[in-house]
Amino acid sequence: MLDNKVDFDLIVTIVNKGDAADVIQASKKAGAEGGTVMNGRGSGIRENTKIFGIPIEPEKELVLTLIDRQKTDQALQAITSALDLNEPGKGIAFVIEVEKTVGISHLL
């Protein structure tokens, strides 16, 4: 039977390629157990760079961090500080409330 109590958040962090390890390190120091890294491409207003008339699509890394809700604010602050996310072009992070989870019995 699934528990409907919300205990977790998902922190989604999108950073430049090569910065995912720093995201995971910062979140682990704040209490997270790890993260999942996926590759992506940027298409925002800051990614409209051209070299010799050829458009450049910067490579990005997405880090998904499932974290105990009580640790979310601390982890988000650690990620923001470690990667200077308040500076333009450094990346973004946002939090999604997780409605249900399965398969994370190691956290219990």
Protein backbone atom coordinates (compact mmCIF):
# COMPACT_ATOMS: atom_id res chain seq x y z
CA MET A 1 0.00 0.00 0.00
CA LEU A 2 1.35 3.43 -0.92
CA ASP A 3 1.60 6.19 1.65
CA ASN A 4 0.07 9.47 0.45
CA LYS A 5 2.08 11.54 2.90
CA VAL A 6 4.48 13.88 1.09
CA ASP A 7 7.94 13.38 2.55
CA PHE A 8 10.18 14.24 -0.40
CA ASP A 9 11.00 17.01 -2.83
CA LEU A 10 12.79 16.83 -6.16
CA ILE A 11 15.46 19.48 -6.67
CA VAL A 12 16.09 19.94 -10.40
CA THR A 13 19.35 21.75 -11.15
CA ILE A 14 20.38 22.69 -14.70
CA VAL A 15 24.02 23.72 -15.06
CA ASN A 16 26.72 23.95 -17.70
CA LYS A 17 28.38 20.69 -18.72
CA GLY A 18 31.02 19.72 -16.18
CA ASP A 19 29.31 21.29 -13.16
CA ALA A 20 27.05 18.37 -12.15
CA ALA A 21 29.67 16.90 -9.82
CA ASP A 22 29.74 20.20 -7.90
CA VAL A 23 25.93 20.09 -7.56
CA ILE A 24 26.04 16.57 -6.17
CA GLN A 25 28.90 17.37 -3.80
CA ALA A 26 27.09 20.45 -2.43
CA SER A 27 23.79 18.61 -2.00
CA LYS A 28 25.49 15.67 -0.26
CA LYS A 29 27.12 18.03 2.23
CA ALA A 30 23.62 19.36 2.95
CA GLY A 31 22.15 15.91 3.60
CA ALA A 32 21.20 14.47 0.21
CA GLU A 33 22.26 10.91 -0.57
CA GLY A 34 23.16 11.52 -4.22
CA GLY A 35 21.62 12.51 -7.50
CA THR A 36 20.97 11.50 -11.09
CA VAL A 37 22.76 13.32 -13.91
CA MET A 38 21.29 13.67 -17.41
CA ASN A 39 22.68 15.48 -20.43
CA GLY A 40 20.82 18.25 -22.21
CA ARG A 41 21.11 21.27 -24.50
CA GLY A 42 20.41 24.89 -23.68
CA SER A 43 18.04 27.00 -25.74
CA GLY A 44 17.47 30.02 -23.48
CA ILE A 45 18.18 33.67 -24.26
CA ARG A 46 21.80 33.31 -23.14
CA GLU A 47 22.39 30.36 -25.47
CA ASN A 48 22.04 32.31 -28.73
CA THR A 49 25.80 32.53 -29.26
CA LYS A 50 27.36 32.19 -32.69
CA ILE A 51 30.94 31.57 -33.71
CA PHE A 52 31.76 32.44 -37.32
CA GLY A 53 28.02 32.59 -37.98
CA ILE A 54 27.44 29.05 -36.71
CA PRO A 55 24.96 28.78 -33.84
CA ILE A 56 26.38 27.17 -30.71
CA GLU A 57 24.07 25.02 -28.58
CA PRO A 58 25.70 24.78 -25.16
CA GLU A 59 25.66 21.40 -23.49
CA LYS A 60 23.96 21.25 -20.10
CA GLU A 61 23.71 18.78 -17.27
CA LEU A 62 20.50 18.20 -15.34
CA VAL A 63 20.84 16.92 -11.80
CA LEU A 64 17.80 15.31 -10.20
CA THR A 65 18.03 15.14 -6.42
CA LEU A 66 15.27 13.37 -4.49
CA ILE A 67 15.57 14.64 -0.95
CA ASP A 68 13.81 14.48 2.38
CA ARG A 69 11.57 17.55 2.56
CA GLN A 70 13.17 18.69 5.84
CA LYS A 71 16.54 19.00 4.06
CA THR A 72 15.34 20.73 0.88
CA ASP A 73 16.01 24.36 1.86
CA GLN A 74 19.48 23.57 3.19
CA ALA A 75 20.41 21.61 0.04
CA LEU A 76 19.03 24.25 -2.32
CA GLN A 77 21.02 26.95 -0.53
CA ALA A 78 24.18 24.81 -0.65
CA ILE A 79 23.76 24.24 -4.40
CA THR A 80 23.05 27.93 -5.03
CA SER A 81 26.15 29.02 -3.10
CA ALA A 82 28.51 26.39 -4.51
CA LEU A 83 27.61 27.15 -8.13
CA ASP A 84 26.85 30.90 -7.88
CA LEU A 85 23.40 30.26 -9.37
CA ASN A 86 22.34 33.85 -8.71
CA GLU A 87 24.86 34.97 -11.34
CA PRO A 88 23.66 35.13 -14.98
CA GLY A 89 24.52 32.09 -17.07
CA LYS A 90 25.51 29.87 -14.15
CA GLY A 91 22.38 27.71 -14.13
CA ILE A 92 19.03 27.36 -12.44
CA ALA A 93 17.47 25.18 -9.78
CA PHE A 94 13.88 24.60 -8.77
CA VAL A 95 11.96 22.33 -6.43
CA ILE A 96 9.03 20.07 -7.27
CA GLU A 97 6.89 18.54 -4.53
CA VAL A 98 6.90 14.76 -4.89
CA GLU A 99 3.48 13.26 -4.44
CA LYS A 100 4.40 9.57 -4.11
CA THR A 101 7.57 7.50 -4.05
CA VAL A 102 8.44 3.83 -4.27
CA GLY A 103 11.70 1.95 -4.22
CA ILE A 104 13.59 4.11 -1.73
CA SER A 105 13.48 1.77 1.25
CA HIS A 106 17.19 2.39 1.93
CA LEU A 107 16.23 5.83 3.25
CA LEU A 108 13.95 4.39 5.93
